[in-house]
Protein backbone atom coordinates (compact mmCIF):
# COMPACT_ATOMS: atom_id res chain seq x y z
CA MET A 1 -7.41 -16.16 23.86
CA SER A 2 -5.48 -18.13 20.83
CA ARG A 3 -7.99 -19.18 18.92
CA THR A 4 -7.20 -21.60 16.05
CA THR A 5 -9.15 -22.68 12.48
CA LEU A 6 -10.62 -26.05 12.37
CA ALA A 7 -9.35 -26.32 9.43
CA ALA A 8 -5.44 -25.75 10.50
CA ALA A 9 -6.10 -28.05 13.23
CA PHE A 10 -7.06 -30.58 11.00
CA ALA A 11 -4.18 -30.44 8.47
CA ALA A 12 -1.87 -30.45 11.40
CA ALA A 13 -2.92 -33.28 12.59
CA SER A 14 -3.39 -35.06 9.18
CA LEU A 15 0.19 -34.01 8.09
CA ALA A 16 1.36 -35.32 11.62
CA GLY A 17 -0.51 -38.61 11.91
CA ALA A 18 -0.27 -39.63 8.48
CA PRO A 19 2.71 -42.65 8.48
CA SER A 20 0.38 -44.65 11.66
CA LEU A 21 -2.90 -43.62 9.80
CA LEU A 22 -3.07 -47.38 9.00
CA ALA A 23 -0.39 -49.29 11.19
CA GLN A 24 -2.38 -52.28 12.13
CA THR A 25 -4.37 -52.06 14.90
CA THR A 26 -8.37 -51.29 14.88
CA THR A 27 -7.77 -47.31 15.40
CA LEU A 28 -7.32 -46.11 11.78
CA ALA A 29 -7.35 -42.23 12.73
CA TYR A 30 -7.23 -40.33 16.30
CA TYR A 31 -6.89 -36.46 17.14
CA SER A 32 -6.78 -35.06 20.24
CA PHE A 33 -7.91 -32.00 21.04
CA ASN A 34 -6.32 -31.44 24.25
CA ASN A 35 -4.12 -28.45 23.87
CA SER A 36 -2.15 -29.94 20.75
CA LEU A 37 -3.52 -27.57 18.54
CA ALA A 38 -1.57 -24.58 16.07
CA SER A 39 -2.83 -21.57 16.90
CA SER A 40 -4.07 -18.84 14.66
CA ASP A 41 -5.67 -15.55 14.85
CA ASN A 42 -8.25 -16.45 11.76
CA ASP A 43 -11.50 -17.15 13.18
CA SER A 44 -13.15 -17.08 10.12
CA LEU A 45 -13.46 -20.45 7.76
CA SER A 46 -15.02 -19.01 4.99
CA SER A 47 -12.05 -19.53 2.45
CA ALA A 48 -10.72 -22.64 3.94
CA SER A 49 -10.47 -25.45 1.27
CA ASN A 50 -11.41 -28.18 3.25
CA VAL A 51 -14.66 -26.11 4.74
CA SER A 52 -17.81 -25.42 2.80
CA PRO A 53 -18.39 -21.43 2.74
CA THR A 54 -21.02 -21.44 4.99
CA ASP A 55 -19.38 -23.50 8.18
CA ASN A 56 -18.52 -20.91 10.96
CA TYR A 57 -16.55 -23.79 12.99
CA VAL A 58 -13.76 -21.90 14.89
CA PHE A 59 -11.21 -23.56 18.02
CA TYR A 60 -11.49 -21.50 21.16
CA ASP A 61 -9.21 -23.10 23.52
CA ASP A 62 -10.05 -26.33 22.14
CA ASN A 63 -13.53 -25.33 22.28
CA LEU A 64 -15.61 -26.41 19.30
CA CYS A 65 -17.85 -23.46 18.76
CA LEU A 66 -21.14 -22.58 16.75
CA SER A 67 -20.45 -18.65 16.80
CA GLY A 68 -21.57 -15.89 13.79
CA ASN A 69 -25.29 -16.36 12.63
CA TRP A 70 -24.49 -19.62 11.87
CA ASP A 71 -26.83 -22.99 13.43
CA HIS A 72 -24.29 -25.95 12.17
CA GLY A 73 -21.41 -26.63 11.07
CA GLU A 74 -19.05 -28.86 9.97
CA LEU A 75 -15.94 -31.27 11.10
CA ARG A 76 -14.28 -32.38 7.86
CA TRP A 77 -11.53 -35.16 8.17
CA SER A 78 -10.30 -37.80 5.42
CA ILE A 79 -8.22 -41.00 5.50
CA ASN A 80 -6.67 -42.67 2.21
CA PRO A 81 -4.72 -45.67 2.78
CA SER A 82 -1.92 -45.12 0.66
CA ASN A 83 -1.60 -48.40 -0.49
CA THR A 84 -3.88 -50.97 -2.82
CA THR A 85 -5.03 -52.16 0.93
CA PRO A 86 -8.95 -51.99 1.00
CA VAL A 87 -10.19 -50.87 4.98
CA VAL A 88 -13.51 -51.64 6.18
CA TYR A 89 -14.64 -49.05 8.42
CA THR A 90 -16.10 -50.25 11.12
CA THR A 91 -17.08 -47.22 13.91
CA VAL A 92 -16.23 -43.38 14.28
CA GLU A 93 -16.86 -42.28 18.10
CA PHE A 94 -16.11 -39.03 19.79
CA ALA A 95 -15.98 -38.33 23.14
CA VAL A 96 -17.06 -34.92 24.50
CA ALA A 97 -14.47 -32.60 27.12
CA GLN A 98 -17.05 -30.31 28.45
CA ILE A 99 -19.69 -28.45 26.99
CA SER A 100 -20.52 -24.70 28.09
CA GLN A 101 -22.89 -24.04 30.68
CA THR A 102 -23.47 -20.09 28.86
CA TYR A 103 -24.68 -21.68 25.36
CA PRO A 104 -25.08 -25.21 26.20
CA ASN A 105 -27.66 -25.87 23.46
CA VAL A 106 -25.92 -28.44 20.92
CA ASP A 107 -28.31 -30.49 19.59
CA GLU A 108 -27.35 -33.16 17.56
CA VAL A 109 -24.52 -34.56 14.86
CA GLU A 110 -24.85 -36.61 12.09
CA LEU A 111 -22.24 -38.62 10.09
CA ARG A 112 -21.52 -38.82 6.70
CA VAL A 113 -19.10 -41.16 4.77
CA ASP A 114 -18.68 -40.24 1.15
CA GLY A 115 -22.34 -38.61 1.31
CA VAL A 116 -23.68 -42.02 2.68
CA ALA A 117 -25.39 -41.00 6.11
CA GLN A 118 -24.99 -42.67 8.83
CA GLY A 119 -27.34 -41.28 11.11
CA PHE A 120 -27.90 -39.36 14.18
CA GLN A 121 -26.38 -38.52 17.87
CA GLN A 122 -28.35 -36.44 19.59
CA ILE A 123 -25.74 -34.99 22.53
CA SER A 124 -27.99 -32.38 23.71
CA ASN A 125 -28.57 -32.73 27.74
CA HIS A 126 -25.42 -35.08 27.93
CA PRO A 127 -22.69 -34.41 30.35
CA ALA A 128 -18.93 -33.68 29.83
CA GLY A 129 -17.25 -37.09 28.85
CA ASP A 130 -20.01 -38.88 27.14
CA VAL A 131 -18.85 -41.13 24.37
CA PHE A 132 -20.97 -40.52 20.88
CA VAL A 133 -20.47 -43.78 18.68
CA TRP A 134 -21.79 -45.11 14.67
CA ASN A 135 -21.47 -48.49 13.97
CA LEU A 136 -20.77 -48.18 9.76
CA ASP A 137 -22.70 -50.36 7.83
CA PRO A 138 -20.64 -52.56 6.83
CA ASN A 139 -22.32 -53.32 3.44
CA ALA A 140 -21.81 -49.21 2.79
CA SER A 141 -20.51 -48.22 -1.02
CA PHE A 142 -17.05 -46.43 0.88
CA GLN A 143 -16.49 -49.86 2.40
CA ASN A 144 -13.19 -52.09 1.54
CA SER A 145 -12.38 -49.38 -0.59
CA THR A 146 -8.78 -48.16 -1.59
CA GLY A 147 -9.31 -44.17 -2.66
CA THR A 148 -10.01 -41.65 -0.01
CA THR A 149 -12.64 -42.00 2.24
CA GLN A 150 -14.36 -38.21 3.22
CA PHE A 151 -15.77 -38.19 6.17
CA VAL A 152 -17.95 -35.47 7.85
CA LEU A 153 -19.59 -34.74 11.42
CA HIS A 154 -22.60 -32.03 10.75
CA PHE A 155 -23.55 -29.84 13.93
CA HIS A 156 -26.91 -28.51 14.65
CA GLY A 157 -26.96 -26.37 17.31
CA ASN A 158 -27.87 -22.60 18.25
CA SER A 159 -25.88 -19.81 17.15
CA GLY A 160 -23.25 -19.45 19.63
CA SER A 161 -23.40 -23.04 21.53
CA MET A 162 -19.61 -23.47 22.65
CA PHE A 163 -18.11 -27.69 23.78
CA GLU A 164 -15.16 -29.14 23.68
CA LEU A 165 -13.93 -32.25 22.21
CA GLU A 166 -11.42 -34.61 23.80
CA TYR A 167 -10.94 -36.94 20.77
CA LEU A 168 -12.09 -38.14 17.34
CA LYS A 169 -11.48 -41.59 16.93
CA CYS A 170 -11.84 -43.85 13.41
CA LYS A 171 -11.81 -47.19 13.86
CA GLY A 172 -12.30 -50.07 11.40
CA ARG A 173 -9.75 -52.70 9.57
CA ARG A 174 -7.46 -54.12 6.71
CA SER A 175 -9.43 -56.34 4.87
CA PRO A 176 -7.61 -59.64 4.06
CA THR A 177 -6.89 -60.71 0.60
CA LEU A 178 -6.88 -63.13 -1.74
CA ASP A 179 -3.99 -64.24 -4.20
CA PRO A 180 -5.89 -65.65 -7.37
CA GLY A 181 -4.46 -68.24 -9.70
CA ILE A 182 -4.97 -71.01 -6.61
CA GLY A 183 -3.95 -74.27 -8.27
CA ALA A 184 -6.18 -76.98 -9.38
CA VAL A 185 -6.61 -80.30 -7.61
CA GLY A 186 -7.92 -83.58 -8.68
CA SER A 187 -11.28 -85.24 -7.20
CA CYS A 188 -9.43 -88.09 -7.01
CA GLU A 189 -6.25 -86.43 -4.80
CA ASN A 190 -5.98 -86.19 -1.73
CA GLN A 191 -4.90 -82.88 -1.96
CA CYS A 192 -6.18 -79.62 -0.15
CA PHE A 193 -5.38 -75.84 -1.72
CA ASP A 194 -2.66 -73.91 -0.69
CA VAL A 195 -4.29 -70.49 -0.06
CA THR A 196 -2.03 -67.48 -0.19
CA GLY A 197 -3.33 -63.71 0.88
CA ARG A 198 -2.39 -61.32 3.57
CA ARG A 199 -4.04 -60.71 6.71
CA LEU A 200 -6.19 -63.46 6.50
CA ASP A 201 -6.54 -63.51 10.11
CA GLN A 202 -8.27 -60.26 10.26
CA ALA A 203 -10.86 -61.67 8.88
CA ASP A 204 -14.51 -63.09 10.90
CA ALA A 205 -15.41 -65.81 9.02
CA PHE A 206 -14.42 -67.64 4.65
CA THR A 207 -17.27 -68.63 2.78
CA ILE A 208 -17.69 -71.33 -0.16
CA ASP A 209 -20.20 -69.67 -2.60
CA GLY A 210 -20.66 -67.56 -0.16
CA VAL A 211 -21.89 -70.37 2.34
CA GLU A 212 -20.18 -70.23 5.63
CA ILE A 213 -17.82 -73.40 4.99
CA GLY A 214 -17.79 -74.58 8.62
CA ASN A 215 -22.06 -75.03 6.83
CA THR A 216 -20.31 -76.92 3.65
CA GLY A 217 -18.24 -80.04 4.53
CA TRP A 218 -15.01 -77.77 3.55
CA SER A 219 -12.35 -77.27 6.12
CA ILE A 220 -10.15 -74.14 6.54
CA GLN A 221 -6.75 -74.00 8.49
CA LEU A 222 -5.13 -70.28 8.64
CA ASN A 223 -1.10 -70.91 8.37
CA GLY A 224 -0.50 -67.14 10.46
CA SER A 225 -1.66 -64.00 8.65
CA SER A 226 -0.81 -64.67 4.66
CA GLY A 227 -1.61 -68.79 3.93
CA ALA A 228 -4.54 -71.11 3.95
CA THR A 229 -4.49 -74.67 3.87
CA VAL A 230 -8.52 -74.94 2.49
CA CYS A 231 -9.57 -78.71 2.21
CA PRO A 232 -13.14 -79.80 -0.74
CA PRO A 233 -15.08 -82.26 1.57
CA SER A 234 -15.46 -86.11 0.80
CA PRO A 235 -16.37 -87.11 -2.23
CA ARG A 236 -14.94 -83.87 -4.35
CA VAL A 237 -16.91 -83.01 -7.00
CA ALA A 238 -14.86 -81.53 -10.27
CA GLY A 239 -15.97 -78.11 -10.42
CA SER A 240 -15.13 -74.10 -10.05
CA TYR A 241 -15.87 -72.31 -6.41
CA VAL A 242 -15.30 -69.21 -4.97
CA LEU A 243 -13.50 -69.01 -1.88
CA GLY A 244 -14.65 -65.48 0.49
CA ALA A 245 -13.65 -63.23 3.28
CA GLU A 246 -15.95 -61.92 4.92
CA ILE A 247 -15.82 -58.96 7.66
CA LEU A 248 -18.51 -58.22 9.23
CA GLY A 249 -21.01 -59.86 7.02
CA THR A 250 -19.56 -58.82 3.85
CA THR A 251 -17.42 -60.10 1.28
CA VAL A 252 -14.41 -57.67 1.36
CA ALA A 253 -11.96 -60.44 -0.68
CA GLU A 254 -12.43 -63.34 -2.76
CA THR A 255 -10.88 -66.23 -5.53
CA THR A 256 -11.32 -69.09 -7.22
CA LEU A 257 -10.67 -72.93 -6.16
CA THR A 258 -11.01 -75.05 -9.44
CA ILE A 259 -11.29 -79.37 -8.91
CA ASP A 260 -10.04 -80.69 -11.78
CA LEU A 261 -12.10 -84.56 -13.28
CA SER A 262 -9.33 -87.27 -12.61
CA ALA A 263 -8.86 -90.16 -14.47
CA PRO A 264 -11.58 -92.65 -12.87
CA VAL A 265 -10.02 -94.75 -9.88
CA LEU A 266 -11.50 -98.08 -9.52
CA SER A 267 -11.22 -98.78 -5.62
CA VAL A 268 -13.40 -102.00 -4.98
CA VAL A 269 -15.91 -104.79 -6.90
CA GLN A 270 -18.11 -104.85 -3.99
CA ASN A 271 -19.74 -108.43 -5.56
CA PRO A 272 -16.39 -109.82 -7.46
CA SER A 273 -18.19 -113.12 -9.40
CA LEU A 274 -22.03 -113.20 -11.28
CA PRO A 275 -23.63 -116.17 -13.37
CA LEU A 276 -23.15 -115.87 -16.87
CA VAL A 277 -27.05 -115.47 -16.87
CA THR A 278 -28.37 -112.81 -14.66
CA ASP A 279 -29.68 -109.53 -14.13
CA GLN A 280 -27.77 -108.40 -11.48
CA CYS A 281 -24.77 -105.90 -12.15
CA PHE A 282 -21.30 -105.54 -10.70
CA LEU A 283 -21.17 -102.89 -8.05
CA ILE A 284 -18.26 -100.42 -8.37
CA THR A 285 -17.12 -97.60 -5.84
CA GLY A 286 -14.14 -95.52 -6.82
CA CYS A 287 -13.37 -91.92 -7.80
CA GLY A 288 -14.02 -89.29 -10.44
CA LEU A 289 -16.55 -92.24 -11.82
CA SER A 290 -18.59 -89.59 -13.41
CA ASN A 291 -17.16 -88.98 -16.36
CA VAL A 292 -16.54 -92.38 -17.16
CA THR A 293 -17.23 -92.72 -21.09
CA SER A 294 -17.13 -96.59 -21.53
CA VAL A 295 -16.03 -100.21 -19.64
CA GLN A 296 -13.44 -102.62 -21.05
CA PHE A 297 -14.82 -106.01 -19.92
CA GLY A 298 -12.08 -108.28 -20.62
CA PRO A 299 -12.56 -108.31 -25.00
CA HIS A 300 -15.42 -106.78 -24.48
CA THR A 301 -15.73 -102.45 -25.46
CA ILE A 302 -19.04 -101.52 -23.29
CA THR A 303 -20.25 -98.39 -24.57
CA SER A 304 -24.00 -98.15 -23.49
CA GLN A 305 -25.55 -96.87 -20.46
CA ASP A 306 -29.27 -97.43 -22.12
CA PRO A 307 -30.86 -100.68 -19.47
CA ASN A 308 -32.28 -101.67 -23.04
CA ASP A 309 -29.31 -103.20 -24.32
CA PHE A 310 -29.78 -106.03 -20.68
CA GLY A 311 -27.70 -108.67 -21.84
CA ARG A 312 -25.26 -107.45 -24.68
CA GLY A 313 -23.72 -104.82 -22.12
CA TYR A 314 -24.32 -101.61 -20.36
CA PHE A 315 -23.11 -99.87 -17.31
CA VAL A 316 -24.84 -97.01 -15.49
CA VAL A 317 -23.29 -93.75 -13.92
CA ALA A 318 -24.76 -93.28 -9.91
CA ASN A 319 -22.09 -90.56 -9.22
CA ASP A 320 -18.52 -89.84 -8.72
CA THR A 321 -18.21 -92.55 -6.18
CA SER A 322 -20.51 -95.20 -7.54
CA LEU A 323 -20.81 -97.08 -10.72
CA GLU A 324 -22.58 -100.15 -11.77
CA VAL A 325 -21.27 -102.58 -14.65
CA CYS A 326 -24.13 -105.06 -16.51
CA PRO A 327 -21.77 -107.24 -18.38
CA PRO A 328 -23.32 -109.17 -21.83
CA LEU A 329 -25.24 -112.77 -20.67
CA CYS A 330 -24.09 -116.12 -21.88
CA LEU A 331 -20.24 -114.95 -22.14
CA THR A 332 -17.68 -118.02 -21.21
CA ALA A 333 -17.24 -118.69 -17.99
CA GLY A 334 -13.84 -117.61 -16.14
CA GLY A 335 -12.10 -114.33 -15.30
CA TYR A 336 -12.23 -111.42 -16.71
CA ALA A 337 -10.65 -107.69 -15.68
CA ILE A 338 -12.69 -104.72 -15.84
CA THR A 339 -10.87 -101.51 -17.35
CA LEU A 340 -13.43 -97.62 -16.49
CA VAL A 341 -12.10 -95.39 -19.07
CA SER A 342 -12.92 -91.62 -19.35
CA PRO A 343 -12.00 -88.40 -21.10
CA GLN A 344 -9.34 -88.29 -18.50
CA GLY A 345 -7.61 -91.36 -18.22
CA SER A 346 -8.59 -95.53 -17.39
CA SER A 347 -8.41 -96.88 -14.27
CA ASP A 348 -6.28 -99.52 -13.31
CA PRO A 349 -8.25 -103.53 -13.79
CA ALA A 350 -10.02 -105.48 -11.20
CA GLY A 351 -10.57 -109.09 -11.68
CA VAL A 352 -14.26 -110.80 -11.85
CA GLN A 353 -15.58 -113.96 -12.44
CA LEU A 354 -18.19 -115.32 -14.72
CA THR A 355 -19.90 -118.57 -12.91
CA ASP A 356 -22.35 -121.56 -14.95
CA PRO A 357 -25.30 -121.11 -13.15
CA THR A 358 -26.05 -124.76 -11.40
CA THR A 359 -29.76 -125.07 -11.98
CA PRO A 360 -32.00 -123.57 -15.42
CA THR A 361 -31.50 -119.90 -14.79
CA LEU A 362 -33.59 -117.03 -17.35
CA ALA A 363 -33.00 -113.99 -16.93
CA CYS A 364 -35.32 -111.04 -17.88
CA ALA A 365 -34.96 -106.49 -17.64
CA PRO A 366 -36.87 -105.57 -14.49
CA THR A 367 -38.10 -102.76 -16.95
CA PHE A 368 -37.85 -102.29 -20.18
CA VAL A 369 -38.49 -98.62 -22.62
CA HIS A 370 -40.94 -99.61 -25.44
CA GLY A 371 -39.93 -99.28 -29.39
CA SER A 372 -36.93 -101.60 -28.69
CA GLU A 373 -36.11 -105.17 -29.32
CA GLN A 374 -35.93 -107.32 -26.14
CA ARG A 375 -34.34 -110.24 -25.26
CA ILE A 376 -34.38 -112.52 -23.06
CA TYR A 377 -31.49 -115.49 -21.55
CA LEU A 378 -31.83 -118.89 -20.65
CA HIS A 379 -29.25 -121.49 -19.49
CA SER A 380 -29.72 -124.82 -19.19
CA GLY A 381 -28.05 -125.14 -15.81
CA GLY A 382 -26.20 -127.79 -16.68
CA GLN A 383 -28.47 -130.62 -16.82
CA PRO A 384 -27.49 -133.57 -18.93
CA GLY A 385 -27.78 -133.54 -22.39
CA PRO A 386 -28.69 -132.70 -25.59
CA ASN A 387 -31.29 -130.80 -24.40
CA ALA A 388 -33.29 -128.29 -25.85
CA MET A 389 -34.46 -125.46 -24.22
CA PHE A 390 -38.06 -123.30 -24.47
CA LEU A 391 -39.01 -119.93 -23.24
CA ALA A 392 -42.70 -119.99 -21.82
CA LEU A 393 -44.44 -115.90 -21.52
CA SER A 394 -47.66 -114.44 -19.76
CA SER A 395 -49.34 -111.56 -18.72
CA VAL A 396 -50.75 -113.51 -16.03
CA PRO A 397 -48.97 -115.25 -13.58
CA LEU A 398 -50.76 -118.01 -12.54
CA PRO A 399 -50.40 -121.25 -12.72
CA SER A 400 -49.74 -124.14 -15.27
CA VAL A 401 -49.92 -127.70 -14.43
CA LEU A 402 -49.56 -130.68 -16.14
CA PRO A 403 -49.16 -133.07 -13.29
CA ASN A 404 -46.22 -135.19 -13.55
CA ILE A 405 -44.85 -133.47 -16.56
CA VAL A 406 -44.44 -129.36 -16.45
CA SER A 407 -45.51 -127.01 -13.06
CA LEU A 408 -45.08 -123.53 -14.33
CA GLY A 409 -46.21 -120.57 -12.73
CA ILE A 410 -47.04 -118.82 -15.35
CA GLY A 411 -50.11 -119.29 -17.79
CA ASP A 412 -53.21 -119.61 -16.24
CA GLN A 413 -53.46 -123.50 -16.92
CA PHE A 414 -52.64 -122.74 -19.97
CA THR A 415 -55.11 -120.18 -21.33
CA SER A 416 -52.91 -117.51 -21.90
CA ILE A 417 -49.18 -118.92 -22.82
CA ILE A 418 -47.34 -118.60 -25.79
CA VAL A 419 -44.07 -120.54 -25.74
CA LEU A 420 -40.82 -119.67 -28.34
CA ASN A 421 -38.14 -122.44 -28.99
CA ALA A 422 -34.53 -121.09 -27.74
CA PRO A 423 -31.53 -121.23 -29.98
CA ALA A 424 -29.33 -124.44 -29.25
CA GLY A 425 -26.84 -124.83 -27.02
CA GLU A 426 -26.54 -124.53 -23.12
CA CYS A 427 -26.60 -120.42 -22.78
CA SER A 428 -29.75 -119.07 -25.37
CA GLU A 429 -30.42 -115.71 -26.38
CA VAL A 430 -34.74 -115.66 -27.37
CA SER A 431 -35.67 -112.12 -29.04
CA ILE A 432 -39.40 -111.14 -28.38
CA GLY A 433 -39.45 -108.64 -30.52
CA VAL A 434 -39.93 -104.95 -30.64
CA VAL A 435 -42.11 -104.20 -27.47
CA GLY A 436 -45.12 -101.86 -28.93
CA GLN A 437 -46.15 -98.96 -27.58
CA ARG A 438 -49.58 -100.95 -26.08
CA PHE A 439 -47.96 -102.41 -23.58
CA ILE A 440 -47.21 -99.65 -21.96
CA GLY A 441 -48.14 -99.65 -17.98
CA LEU A 442 -48.21 -103.87 -18.67
CA SER A 443 -46.33 -106.75 -17.43
CA LEU A 444 -44.72 -109.68 -19.17
CA TYR A 445 -44.03 -112.63 -17.31
CA PHE A 446 -41.15 -115.27 -18.75
CA GLN A 447 -40.24 -118.59 -17.56
CA GLY A 448 -38.09 -121.27 -19.67
CA ILE A 449 -38.01 -125.42 -19.50
CA VAL A 450 -35.15 -127.28 -20.55
CA TRP A 451 -36.11 -130.70 -22.65
CA ASN A 452 -33.36 -133.99 -22.66
CA PHE A 453 -34.94 -135.07 -26.02
CA ALA A 454 -32.21 -138.36 -25.61
CA ASN A 455 -33.21 -139.69 -21.80
CA PRO A 456 -36.06 -137.00 -21.50
CA VAL A 457 -36.16 -136.06 -17.76
CA LEU A 458 -40.06 -135.86 -15.71
CA PRO A 459 -41.69 -133.70 -14.90
CA LEU A 460 -39.45 -131.39 -17.13
CA PRO A 461 -36.62 -128.38 -15.63
CA THR A 462 -37.52 -125.15 -15.32
CA THR A 463 -36.46 -121.93 -14.67
CA GLN A 464 -37.35 -119.28 -12.16
CA VAL A 465 -39.75 -117.25 -13.26
CA CYS A 466 -38.87 -113.34 -13.72
CA SER A 467 -40.97 -110.73 -15.12
CA THR A 468 -40.81 -106.41 -17.24
CA PHE A 469 -42.39 -103.68 -16.18
CA TYR A 470 -43.18 -101.35 -19.46
CA TYR A 471 -43.13 -98.21 -19.96
C-alpha cells in the first residue's frame, strides 16, 4: 500500500498550484486528493516542518487516517497573495469522498485562520460526498491582508478512524483598490470625480463616509474595473469625503474626495426691485455663498451680517445657495449693481433697482437685540412740500384719532405716545437711542406723520404702522 505524508502532499500541491493560486476567480486555493499525491514510505509526521509534533496524520491511498495513539490532528496550508493585492477570504470547504466503515468515528473538524477560530463542523454519521463549508467572518483580523495567511483544519476522532478527502477548497476575492490623490472639484462646478483603482467591479458596495452611496445623494458609475465616475449631490457642500469600497459589509479600500469652496456664483435675484424704505431684502440664489464676506452694493460696501444694522446695510447667509442682501435705506432711487465677495473671488454683478415710494412709508427692524442704537426710516412718499415729518412711537397698538386732523393706529387715544421730529428731507433716519435691557420681551409700535407746513393737507398723511420686538 502506497503511503505519503501530509507534509509532502501539501508541499507538492502548493508548488504545483502556485502560479494560479490567486487567479481572477473566486477559488483562491484548490487541492484535489484523487490519486495525485507523491509516494513516500514515511508515515511519521512528527518531524515535518509544517505540522506540529503531536500530529499523527498519514495518507493511505488518499485516505486521511487518525492512527497510532493520537485522537486528533491538523491539516495545514497557507496562501500568500504574492503581491500587494489584499484578499478577502469568503469560504473554506472540503468534501469527503469515502469514510471507513471499520473506523468511522471522525467526530468534528475545527477551522482556524491565522489562529482565529471559525467554528466546528460535525462530520460523524455523515455519508460520503457531503460537503462541509465555513463562511469566514469578513471583519476578522486576517481579512484584507497582503501577507501570508495560515489555514488549519483540526480533526477530532477515535484513533484509527479513516476517511478520504475528495477536495479542499478556499474561496475569496481580491480586494478592490482605490488610488489616492483624486483631484478636487469646486463647490460650484458641475463636475464629477474621476476615480481610479483596480478591480472596482469586485466591490459589493461603495460608501461615502461609511454610508451606502445610494443613501447619500451621491452617485457612482463604474467604467470597467479600473475607473469610476463619482458625482456629489447638489447643492455641493465644500469639505472632504471618504469614498469606500466594501466586500461583504467590510470596507477594504478608501480614498478621499475633496470639494473646494468656489468663488461665489450669483445666479438670480428673486426680487430685483425694492422701494428706498422697506424692511424687505434682495433674495439671491447661487452657489458658493456660504463663504461670502462682503457685498458690494453700487458704491457701498456692506460687511455687516448683523440684523441690528437694519437701515445701514447688512447681509444674511442662509446656506451655500441662498443669501439675502438688505441694502442701506434712504439712498437715491436708481439702478445698483450687487457683487458678492469671498476669499475665493467675486461673483459677476447683478443689477437691481431702488424706487421712490408713492405713499408715505415707514420701515423698522422686525426684531432687535437690546444694547444697540435703533434707527427708524421714514419717506414722505412724494407728498407735496415743503414737508416736515414726525415719528410717533408707543407700546400700545390701539388707535389715537383727532377727527379731520390725524388718525393713528397706536397710542390709545394719545394716552401712551411719544412724537419725535424727523430730520429734514424726503427720506429721513430717526434714532430712538440705545435700547436698554428693560425692553427685553416687549414690542414698540411706530408710525410716521407728514405735514406740509406751507399748504397743510388734512387729515395729515400718515405711514403704515410697523413694530419691533426686543430680545
